[in-house]
Amino acid sequence: EFRRVLFRSMGANEDLNFLLTNRIPRITLTHFIGWFSKRRHPWVRDASIAIWKLFADLDLNEAKKTSFDSLHDCFIRELKDGARPIHPDSHVFTSPCDGIIGAMGRVEDGKLYQAKGFPYTLNDLLGESVTKTPWVDGLYLTIRITSSMYHRFHAPFDGRLTRVKYFSGDTWNVNPVALARVEKLFCKNERALLNLEIGPKAYPVALVPVAAVLVASIRLHAIDTLLHTRYKGPNDIACQASFVKGEELGWFEHGSTILVFVPKAFEFLPSLTTGQNIRMGQGLFRLP
């Protein structure tokens, strides 16, 4: 009887979570939070951060700054030097961000999964015009960044960024509750494709930052443009930005998800599992 009540309660909580974060004017609320979070009034800032700490596991001990100008300033905080050691192995591809592994596996003839029983395709995610040959049978990994985590993302290996393609979209929540209910969710949300070439053999790798409710802005150092739901283009931006392993590439305004795609010759490191917490600089794949 206790188990039935417990499972019924868990289901009700999931329903409430889904309703509160998705059955709302998502884009309007996201725009409002984007504006509100930049208010620099001390009372607004302090109250906002205090409420955030109350509802999330927010740890600011690793932050480079000890005080913040606004809630937004706290969201996009930098970390102290050395807070994220980079895996030293020259054949290991590292995590671009802090987060939780939501899904991982092999792309099967262009198909992969956001959650069990919820497939989508590379064409759904990236469109028909993008060359996806390197990843059709490659490996993928989904990293979810929760609201209290470090929100900047970094280069997973030495290489260069050759192209950024922006996809305007919605701002569905990307938590596990929504991923188990909304088909092709990542393909509906605002996102960007970052085409990377890494290592001396210029292996083609893709990072796909996906925005979500309350967070619909992506900042990249390589282009002098803030990508957000009101952005009018151009949507396909060529660039030649070199970077070294661990170098900062950009940040989410708040937090969301990064999808990682690598060629089939790469291998997962054996220690990785779904649901695992990982940190930027931790090893993910071994290069051939």
Protein backbone atom coordinates (compact mmCIF):
# COMPACT_ATOMS: atom_id res chain seq x y z
CA GLU A 1 0.00 0.00 0.00
CA PHE A 2 2.84 2.39 0.88
CA ARG A 3 4.53 1.73 -2.46
CA ARG A 4 1.31 2.43 -4.37
CA VAL A 5 0.86 5.73 -2.53
CA LEU A 6 4.53 6.63 -3.11
CA PHE A 7 4.39 5.92 -6.84
CA ARG A 8 1.08 7.78 -7.16
CA SER A 9 2.64 10.76 -5.38
CA MET A 10 5.71 10.67 -7.64
CA GLY A 11 3.49 10.63 -10.71
CA ALA A 12 1.50 13.60 -9.41
CA ASN A 13 4.71 15.53 -8.77
CA GLU A 14 5.89 14.83 -12.33
CA ASP A 15 2.55 16.01 -13.71
CA LEU A 16 2.78 19.21 -11.65
CA ASN A 17 6.39 19.78 -12.74
CA PHE A 18 5.43 19.37 -16.39
CA LEU A 19 2.45 21.71 -16.09
CA LEU A 20 4.34 24.43 -14.22
CA THR A 21 7.32 24.48 -16.58
CA ASN A 22 5.68 23.81 -19.94
CA ARG A 23 1.98 24.74 -19.95
CA ILE A 24 2.87 28.40 -19.59
CA PRO A 25 3.71 31.18 -22.09
CA ARG A 26 7.27 29.85 -22.33
CA ILE A 27 8.86 32.38 -24.67
CA THR A 28 7.18 35.38 -23.02
CA LEU A 29 8.28 34.22 -19.57
CA THR A 30 11.78 33.55 -20.88
CA HIS A 31 12.03 37.10 -22.26
CA PHE A 32 10.82 38.50 -18.94
CA ILE A 33 13.33 36.49 -16.90
CA GLY A 34 16.09 37.58 -19.27
CA TRP A 35 15.18 41.22 -18.59
CA PHE A 36 14.58 40.77 -14.87
CA SER A 37 17.81 38.86 -14.22
CA LYS A 38 19.86 41.84 -15.43
CA ARG A 39 18.37 44.28 -12.89
CA ARG A 40 21.24 45.64 -10.80
CA HIS A 41 19.26 46.94 -7.84
CA PRO A 42 20.83 45.42 -4.67
CA TRP A 43 17.48 44.36 -3.20
CA VAL A 44 16.41 42.65 -6.43
CA ARG A 45 19.78 40.96 -6.84
CA ASP A 46 20.06 39.75 -3.24
CA ALA A 47 16.47 38.53 -3.00
CA SER A 48 16.72 36.72 -6.35
CA ILE A 49 19.93 34.90 -5.44
CA ALA A 50 18.52 34.02 -1.98
CA ILE A 51 15.39 32.48 -3.54
CA TRP A 52 17.55 30.64 -6.07
CA LYS A 53 19.63 29.13 -3.24
CA LEU A 54 16.44 28.11 -1.45
CA PHE A 55 15.17 26.02 -4.37
CA ALA A 56 18.44 24.79 -5.92
CA ASP A 57 21.76 23.36 -4.83
CA LEU A 58 23.66 26.56 -5.62
CA ASP A 59 27.32 26.50 -4.57
CA LEU A 60 29.27 29.71 -5.21
CA ASN A 61 32.48 28.68 -3.43
CA GLU A 62 34.22 27.98 -6.77
CA ALA A 63 33.20 31.31 -8.33
CA LYS A 64 35.97 33.72 -9.27
CA LYS A 65 33.95 36.68 -7.97
CA THR A 66 32.71 36.94 -4.40
CA SER A 67 29.90 39.40 -5.22
CA PHE A 68 27.70 39.85 -8.28
CA ASP A 69 26.14 42.81 -10.04
CA SER A 70 22.88 40.99 -10.79
CA LEU A 71 21.21 37.60 -10.90
CA HIS A 72 22.39 37.32 -14.51
CA ASP A 73 25.96 38.04 -13.44
CA CYS A 74 25.70 35.14 -11.00
CA PHE A 75 24.23 32.81 -13.63
CA ILE A 76 27.13 33.31 -16.06
CA ARG A 77 29.83 33.34 -13.36
CA GLU A 78 33.39 32.30 -14.11
CA LEU A 79 35.24 29.85 -11.88
CA LYS A 80 38.49 30.24 -9.99
CA ASP A 81 41.62 29.28 -11.92
CA GLY A 82 42.22 25.53 -11.59
CA ALA A 83 38.67 24.73 -10.46
CA ARG A 84 38.22 22.40 -13.46
CA PRO A 85 41.36 20.34 -14.23
CA ILE A 86 41.54 19.30 -17.89
CA HIS A 87 42.19 15.60 -18.60
CA PRO A 88 45.90 15.49 -19.52
CA ASP A 89 45.78 12.54 -21.96
CA SER A 90 46.44 13.88 -25.46
CA HIS A 91 44.10 11.24 -26.96
CA VAL A 92 41.11 11.99 -24.71
CA PHE A 93 38.20 14.22 -25.74
CA THR A 94 36.83 16.01 -22.68
CA SER A 95 33.45 17.26 -21.52
CA PRO A 96 32.72 20.79 -22.74
CA CYS A 97 30.68 21.60 -19.64
CA ASP A 98 29.47 20.57 -16.20
CA GLY A 99 26.27 18.55 -16.27
CA ILE A 100 24.43 15.26 -16.01
CA ILE A 101 24.63 12.60 -18.72
CA GLY A 102 21.07 12.23 -19.94
CA ALA A 103 21.55 9.82 -22.85
CA MET A 104 24.48 8.24 -24.66
CA GLY A 105 25.07 5.64 -27.31
CA ARG A 106 25.60 5.06 -31.00
CA VAL A 107 23.66 6.91 -33.65
CA GLU A 108 21.93 4.13 -35.60
CA ASP A 109 21.63 5.07 -39.27
CA GLY A 110 20.97 8.68 -38.28
CA LYS A 111 18.59 7.89 -35.37
CA LEU A 112 19.21 8.49 -31.67
CA TYR A 113 17.22 8.97 -28.45
CA GLN A 114 16.41 11.85 -26.10
CA ALA A 115 14.87 9.35 -23.62
CA LYS A 116 13.79 5.71 -23.69
CA GLY A 117 11.17 5.27 -26.39
CA PHE A 118 11.57 8.83 -27.71
CA PRO A 119 13.72 8.76 -30.87
CA TYR A 120 14.64 11.59 -33.20
CA THR A 121 16.93 11.85 -36.20
CA LEU A 122 19.89 13.99 -37.14
CA ASN A 123 17.74 15.41 -39.94
CA ASP A 124 15.09 16.41 -37.38
CA LEU A 125 17.73 18.15 -35.29
CA LEU A 126 20.00 19.71 -37.93
CA GLY A 127 17.88 19.94 -41.07
CA GLU A 128 18.38 18.57 -44.55
CA SER A 129 21.00 21.12 -45.66
CA VAL A 130 23.65 20.14 -43.07
CA THR A 131 26.14 17.40 -43.96
CA LYS A 132 25.74 14.77 -41.25
CA THR A 133 27.79 11.93 -42.75
CA PRO A 134 30.45 11.86 -39.96
CA TRP A 135 27.82 11.23 -37.28
CA VAL A 136 25.24 8.99 -39.01
CA ASP A 137 26.78 5.95 -37.30
CA GLY A 138 28.87 7.83 -34.78
CA LEU A 139 28.52 8.31 -31.04
CA TYR A 140 26.38 10.83 -29.18
CA LEU A 141 26.12 12.06 -25.63
CA THR A 142 23.62 14.45 -24.02
CA ILE A 143 24.75 16.68 -21.14
CA ARG A 144 22.07 18.51 -19.15
CA ILE A 145 23.16 21.61 -17.24
CA THR A 146 20.88 22.30 -14.28
CA SER A 147 20.07 25.84 -13.16
CA SER A 148 22.60 25.93 -10.32
CA MET A 149 25.54 24.55 -12.31
CA TYR A 150 28.42 26.33 -14.03
CA HIS A 151 26.98 27.50 -17.37
CA ARG A 152 30.03 28.16 -19.53
CA PHE A 153 31.22 25.64 -22.09
CA HIS A 154 34.75 24.93 -23.31
CA ALA A 155 36.72 23.31 -26.10
CA PRO A 156 36.82 19.51 -25.69
CA PHE A 157 40.07 19.20 -27.67
CA ASP A 158 42.55 21.31 -29.65
CA GLY A 159 41.06 22.42 -32.94
CA ARG A 160 39.00 25.09 -34.64
CA LEU A 161 35.40 26.21 -34.99
CA THR A 162 34.50 26.40 -38.70
CA ARG A 163 30.77 27.09 -38.73
CA VAL A 164 27.85 28.13 -36.54
CA LYS A 165 24.30 27.43 -37.67
CA TYR A 166 21.46 28.89 -35.61
CA PHE A 167 17.98 27.35 -35.39
CA SER A 168 15.21 29.50 -33.94
CA GLY A 169 12.65 27.60 -31.89
CA ASP A 170 10.62 27.12 -28.75
CA THR A 171 11.77 27.02 -25.12
CA TRP A 172 10.41 23.75 -23.71
CA ASN A 173 11.92 22.62 -20.42
CA VAL A 174 14.61 20.00 -21.11
CA ASN A 175 14.39 18.15 -17.79
CA PRO A 176 13.79 14.34 -17.74
CA VAL A 177 10.03 14.78 -17.15
CA ALA A 178 9.61 16.77 -20.37
CA LEU A 179 12.02 14.58 -22.37
CA ALA A 180 9.87 11.54 -21.51
CA ARG A 181 6.68 13.28 -22.70
CA VAL A 182 7.46 15.63 -25.60
CA GLU A 183 8.55 13.92 -28.81
CA LYS A 184 11.57 15.39 -30.61
CA LEU A 185 11.93 18.05 -27.93
CA PHE A 186 15.51 19.03 -28.78
CA CYS A 187 14.39 19.52 -32.39
CA LYS A 188 11.66 21.96 -31.32
CA ASN A 189 13.81 24.21 -29.11
CA GLU A 190 16.14 27.05 -30.01
CA ARG A 191 19.62 25.64 -30.66
CA ALA A 192 22.90 26.16 -32.48
CA LEU A 193 25.17 23.77 -34.37
CA LEU A 194 28.88 24.28 -33.74
CA ASN A 195 31.00 22.50 -36.36
CA LEU A 196 34.43 21.70 -34.94
CA GLU A 197 37.52 20.14 -36.47
CA ILE A 198 39.76 18.68 -33.78
CA GLY A 199 43.23 17.20 -33.59
CA PRO A 200 45.91 16.94 -36.29
CA LYS A 201 43.55 14.83 -38.46
CA ALA A 202 40.75 17.43 -38.25
CA TYR A 203 38.13 14.98 -37.00
CA PRO A 204 34.64 16.46 -37.55
CA VAL A 205 32.79 16.96 -34.25
CA ALA A 206 29.51 18.71 -33.49
CA LEU A 207 28.41 20.48 -30.34
CA VAL A 208 24.74 21.47 -30.24
CA PRO A 209 23.81 23.83 -27.39
CA VAL A 210 20.04 23.63 -26.87
CA ALA A 211 18.17 26.42 -25.08
CA ALA A 212 15.21 25.89 -22.73
CA VAL A 213 12.52 27.68 -20.74
CA LEU A 214 13.95 30.74 -18.92
CA VAL A 215 17.16 30.40 -20.96
CA ALA A 216 17.11 31.28 -24.65
CA SER A 217 20.37 33.07 -25.25
CA ILE A 218 23.70 31.59 -26.33
CA ARG A 219 26.89 33.65 -26.42
CA LEU A 220 29.91 32.48 -28.44
CA HIS A 221 33.32 34.17 -28.31
CA ALA A 222 34.00 33.37 -31.97
CA ILE A 223 31.14 35.51 -33.30
CA ASP A 224 30.14 38.98 -32.15
CA THR A 225 26.46 38.06 -31.92
CA LEU A 226 24.10 37.05 -29.13
CA LEU A 227 21.92 34.17 -30.37
CA HIS A 228 18.41 34.41 -28.90
CA THR A 229 14.73 34.00 -29.79
CA ARG A 230 14.50 37.53 -31.25
CA TYR A 231 17.63 37.07 -33.41
CA LYS A 232 16.89 37.76 -37.11
CA GLY A 233 19.97 36.26 -38.75
CA PRO A 234 22.15 35.47 -40.55
CA ASN A 235 21.55 31.91 -39.38
CA ASP A 236 24.56 30.30 -41.07
CA ILE A 237 27.85 31.86 -40.03
CA ALA A 238 31.24 30.72 -41.33
CA CYS A 239 34.21 31.33 -39.06
CA GLN A 240 37.77 30.18 -38.44
CA ALA A 241 38.37 30.34 -34.70
CA SER A 242 41.21 28.24 -33.31
CA PHE A 243 41.17 27.00 -29.71
CA VAL A 244 43.03 24.71 -27.35
CA LYS A 245 41.61 21.99 -25.14
CA GLY A 246 39.80 23.55 -22.19
CA GLU A 247 39.57 27.05 -23.66
CA GLU A 248 36.23 28.78 -23.10
CA LEU A 249 33.98 28.83 -26.18
CA GLY A 250 30.94 30.63 -24.75
CA TRP A 251 28.06 30.32 -22.33
CA PHE A 252 24.33 29.93 -21.86
CA GLU A 253 22.61 32.91 -20.26
CA HIS A 254 21.16 30.52 -17.66
CA GLY A 255 21.57 26.80 -18.34
CA SER A 256 20.33 24.03 -20.58
CA THR A 257 21.75 21.12 -22.59
CA ILE A 258 24.65 20.35 -24.91
CA LEU A 259 24.50 17.47 -27.40
CA VAL A 260 27.87 16.04 -28.47
CA PHE A 261 28.41 14.11 -31.73
CA VAL A 262 31.68 12.40 -32.71
CA PRO A 263 32.72 10.01 -35.52
CA LYS A 264 32.23 6.26 -35.16
CA ALA A 265 36.00 5.63 -34.79
CA PHE A 266 35.88 7.30 -31.33
CA GLU A 267 35.25 5.23 -28.20
CA PHE A 268 33.41 6.06 -24.99
CA LEU A 269 35.58 5.95 -21.89
CA PRO A 270 34.38 2.91 -19.90
CA SER A 271 33.59 4.86 -16.72
CA LEU A 272 30.65 6.79 -18.24
CA THR A 273 27.02 5.97 -17.43
CA THR A 274 23.67 7.71 -17.90
CA GLY A 275 22.63 9.79 -14.90
CA GLN A 276 26.25 10.45 -13.99
CA ASN A 277 27.36 13.92 -12.91
CA ILE A 278 30.37 15.10 -14.88
CA ARG A 279 32.51 18.23 -14.89
CA MET A 280 34.05 20.28 -17.64
CA GLY A 281 37.47 18.81 -18.48
CA GLN A 282 36.53 15.24 -17.51
CA GLY A 283 37.23 12.60 -20.18
CA LEU A 284 34.38 11.44 -22.44
CA PHE A 285 35.85 9.78 -25.55
CA ARG A 286 39.14 8.32 -26.72
CA LEU A 287 40.28 9.34 -30.17
CA PRO A 288 41.37 6.61 -32.59
